[in-house]
Amino acid sequence: MDSHNIYVYLAIISMAAATNLVRVLPSLLLKKPIKNTFIKSFLYYAPYVTLSVMAFPSILYSTGNFTASLIGFIFVAALCFTKAGMFVSTIGACIVVYLAQLVF
């Protein structure tokens, strides 16, 4: 097994651990229901934020062309704000990144 595969497996394991640890620890350590709305919202959104922070660099360097990836990311972010569906966002991003790679 080469070193690249080891890093990929370590990244997957660390993302899974970080996402699940935040959800499992409170249920193991706390026996009473959590009533504080700040803590409840933190525990609800923490796995999504953790996964996003770990995946974001891969988005920008996935095509080998930083400019095309950035244009695709901005396009998808704009589609998300218009509440377009996942299928439309995915296909739209693929088309925009492809066209951006032809230009840049």
Protein backbone atom coordinates (compact mmCIF):
# COMPACT_ATOMS: atom_id res chain seq x y z
CA MET A 1 0.00 0.00 0.00
CA ASP A 2 1.52 3.33 -1.03
CA SER A 3 1.54 6.45 1.13
CA HIS A 4 -1.23 8.16 -0.87
CA ASN A 5 -3.74 5.43 0.02
CA ILE A 6 -2.78 5.64 3.69
CA TYR A 7 -3.51 9.39 3.72
CA VAL A 8 -6.87 8.83 2.04
CA TYR A 9 -7.85 6.20 4.60
CA LEU A 10 -6.65 8.40 7.47
CA ALA A 11 -8.72 11.31 6.12
CA ILE A 12 -11.84 9.14 5.87
CA ILE A 13 -11.35 7.72 9.36
CA SER A 14 -10.70 11.16 10.88
CA MET A 15 -13.80 12.65 9.21
CA ALA A 16 -15.94 9.77 10.46
CA ALA A 17 -14.49 10.02 13.96
CA ALA A 18 -14.91 13.79 14.17
CA THR A 19 -18.47 13.64 12.89
CA ASN A 20 -19.56 10.78 15.13
CA LEU A 21 -17.61 11.81 18.22
CA VAL A 22 -19.55 15.05 18.56
CA ARG A 23 -22.84 13.16 18.44
CA VAL A 24 -21.90 10.16 20.58
CA LEU A 25 -20.03 11.84 23.46
CA PRO A 26 -22.94 13.95 24.73
CA SER A 27 -25.23 10.94 24.83
CA LEU A 28 -22.64 8.95 26.77
CA LEU A 29 -21.65 11.70 29.20
CA LEU A 30 -24.95 13.45 29.82
CA LYS A 31 -27.90 11.63 31.32
CA LYS A 32 -30.33 14.57 31.51
CA PRO A 33 -31.81 16.19 28.42
CA ILE A 34 -29.97 19.30 27.23
CA LYS A 35 -32.13 22.40 27.63
CA ASN A 36 -29.69 25.12 26.61
CA THR A 37 -30.58 26.17 23.05
CA PHE A 38 -27.03 27.29 22.26
CA ILE A 39 -25.54 23.91 23.18
CA LYS A 40 -28.31 22.07 21.34
CA SER A 41 -27.73 24.06 18.15
CA PHE A 42 -23.95 23.65 18.49
CA LEU A 43 -24.27 19.88 18.79
CA TYR A 44 -26.67 19.80 15.86
CA TYR A 45 -24.48 21.79 13.44
CA ALA A 46 -20.98 20.70 14.54
CA PRO A 47 -20.84 17.53 12.38
CA TYR A 48 -21.86 19.47 9.26
CA VAL A 49 -19.28 22.17 9.91
CA THR A 50 -16.55 19.62 10.58
CA LEU A 51 -17.26 17.74 7.38
CA SER A 52 -17.42 20.96 5.38
CA VAL A 53 -14.11 22.24 6.72
CA MET A 54 -12.42 18.95 5.86
CA ALA A 55 -13.95 18.72 2.38
CA PHE A 56 -13.56 22.36 1.26
CA PRO A 57 -9.87 22.16 0.24
CA SER A 58 -10.65 19.12 -1.92
CA ILE A 59 -13.28 21.12 -3.79
CA LEU A 60 -10.80 23.80 -4.80
CA TYR A 61 -8.03 21.44 -5.89
CA SER A 62 -10.09 18.59 -7.37
CA THR A 63 -9.74 19.59 -11.03
CA GLY A 64 -6.11 20.65 -11.01
CA ASN A 65 -7.25 24.10 -12.14
CA PHE A 66 -7.87 26.34 -9.13
CA THR A 67 -9.67 29.03 -11.14
CA ALA A 68 -12.14 26.59 -12.72
CA SER A 69 -12.81 24.96 -9.34
CA LEU A 70 -13.39 28.34 -7.70
CA ILE A 71 -15.81 29.38 -10.45
CA GLY A 72 -17.68 26.08 -10.04
CA PHE A 73 -17.83 26.54 -6.27
CA ILE A 74 -19.20 30.08 -6.58
CA PHE A 75 -21.77 28.86 -9.10
CA VAL A 76 -22.94 26.06 -6.80
CA ALA A 77 -23.05 28.42 -3.82
CA ALA A 78 -25.27 30.76 -5.84
CA LEU A 79 -27.53 27.84 -6.80
CA CYS A 80 -27.77 26.81 -3.16
CA PHE A 81 -28.99 30.28 -2.20
CA THR A 82 -31.72 29.99 -4.85
CA LYS A 83 -32.67 26.63 -3.30
CA ALA A 84 -32.02 24.64 -6.47
CA GLY A 85 -32.06 20.89 -6.01
CA MET A 86 -29.00 18.73 -5.58
CA PHE A 87 -29.29 17.23 -9.07
CA VAL A 88 -29.50 20.66 -10.74
CA SER A 89 -26.58 21.94 -8.64
CA THR A 90 -24.39 18.95 -9.44
CA ILE A 91 -25.03 18.95 -13.17
CA GLY A 92 -24.72 22.74 -13.31
CA ALA A 93 -21.40 22.67 -11.46
CA CYS A 94 -20.02 19.99 -13.78
CA ILE A 95 -20.97 22.01 -16.85
CA VAL A 96 -19.63 25.29 -15.45
CA VAL A 97 -16.32 23.73 -14.37
CA TYR A 98 -15.94 22.04 -17.76
CA LEU A 99 -16.55 25.32 -19.60
CA ALA A 100 -14.23 27.18 -17.23
CA GLN A 101 -11.48 24.65 -17.89
CA LEU A 102 -11.85 25.25 -21.62
CA VAL A 103 -11.46 28.98 -21.08
CA PHE A 104 -8.69 28.95 -18.46
